[in-house]
Structure formats: structure tokens, C-alpha cells
Amino acid sequence: MEAKQTDQACEFSLDILVTTFLDNINHLLTDGTLTRSRRSVLMTWKVRIISCLLLQYIKKPIRMAPNC
């Protein structure tokens, strides 16, 4: 039972990190201070990072910390 709670806590912390990452990237993209080429590069990296996270999660759940 305790191991299941620890797994849920790790998944929750990952959810918070991904949500925060997306919010920050989206804020930069919509702020309008970046040039078009920098927005394009940022959007490309956003898609790559999210794709990698999803692929890793599908293959094997990501462990954020050694104690998770």
C-alpha cells in the first residue's frame, strides 16, 4: 500500500512539473517579446520535450527522484 502511495506522489510531482513547464513556455510564446525565429525554436523544443516525456511515460513511468 505504501509503495503505491509513493508512486502516486511521484506521478503527481511530474504532473506539476509538466504543467508548470507548459505554462511558462506558453507565456513566453504569447508575450510577444520574442522574435518570430525564437518563438519557432521555442515551439520546436516544446514539442520535442513533450514528445520525449510521453514516449518515456508510455514505455516506462518516469522516476523523478531516487526515493520514488
Protein backbone atom coordinates (compact mmCIF):
# COMPACT_ATOMS: atom_id res chain seq x y z
CA MET A 1 0.00 0.00 0.00
CA GLU A 2 2.82 2.41 0.89
CA ALA A 3 4.66 1.78 -2.41
CA LYS A 4 1.50 2.67 -4.33
CA GLN A 5 1.20 5.99 -2.47
CA THR A 6 4.85 6.77 -3.23
CA ASP A 7 4.27 6.08 -6.94
CA GLN A 8 1.24 8.36 -6.93
CA ALA A 9 3.25 11.14 -5.25
CA CYS A 10 5.97 10.85 -7.93
CA GLU A 11 3.41 10.95 -10.74
CA PHE A 12 1.77 13.98 -9.13
CA SER A 13 5.08 15.84 -8.88
CA LEU A 14 5.76 15.06 -12.56
CA ASP A 15 2.31 16.40 -13.47
CA ILE A 16 3.09 19.65 -11.65
CA LEU A 17 6.44 19.97 -13.42
CA VAL A 18 4.94 19.37 -16.86
CA THR A 19 2.08 21.78 -16.20
CA THR A 20 4.46 24.47 -14.95
CA PHE A 21 6.75 23.91 -17.95
CA LEU A 22 3.86 24.25 -20.39
CA ASP A 23 2.52 27.36 -18.65
CA ASN A 24 5.92 29.05 -18.73
CA ILE A 25 6.57 28.18 -22.37
CA ASN A 26 3.08 29.28 -23.40
CA HIS A 27 3.56 32.57 -21.52
CA LEU A 28 6.80 33.22 -23.40
CA LEU A 29 5.16 32.39 -26.71
CA THR A 30 2.15 34.65 -26.17
CA ASP A 31 4.02 37.51 -24.50
CA GLY A 32 5.18 38.86 -27.86
CA THR A 33 8.66 39.86 -26.76
CA LEU A 34 10.40 37.08 -28.69
CA THR A 35 11.17 37.41 -32.37
CA ARG A 36 9.47 35.04 -34.78
CA SER A 37 12.52 32.81 -35.17
CA ARG A 38 12.98 32.46 -31.41
CA ARG A 39 9.31 31.63 -30.96
CA SER A 40 9.68 28.99 -33.65
CA VAL A 41 12.70 27.45 -31.93
CA LEU A 42 10.93 27.51 -28.56
CA MET A 43 7.84 25.83 -30.02
CA THR A 44 10.04 23.16 -31.62
CA TRP A 45 11.74 22.42 -28.30
CA LYS A 46 8.39 22.38 -26.51
CA VAL A 47 7.06 19.74 -28.92
CA ARG A 48 10.26 17.67 -28.68
CA ILE A 49 10.30 17.70 -24.89
CA ILE A 50 6.63 16.80 -24.59
CA SER A 51 7.04 14.02 -27.15
CA CYS A 52 10.01 12.59 -25.27
CA LEU A 53 8.14 12.73 -21.97
CA LEU A 54 5.12 11.00 -23.44
CA LEU A 55 7.22 8.29 -25.09
CA GLN A 56 9.11 7.65 -21.87
CA TYR A 57 5.89 7.50 -19.89
CA ILE A 58 4.34 5.05 -22.35
CA LYS A 59 7.43 2.81 -22.26
CA LYS A 60 8.17 3.08 -18.56
CA PRO A 61 6.95 5.54 -15.92
CA ILE A 62 9.50 8.27 -15.22
CA ARG A 63 11.06 8.34 -11.78
CA MET A 64 11.80 11.87 -10.64
CA ALA A 65 13.86 11.16 -7.55
CA PRO A 66 15.87 8.19 -6.25
CA ASN A 67 13.41 7.65 -3.40
CA CYS A 68 10.37 7.45 -5.67
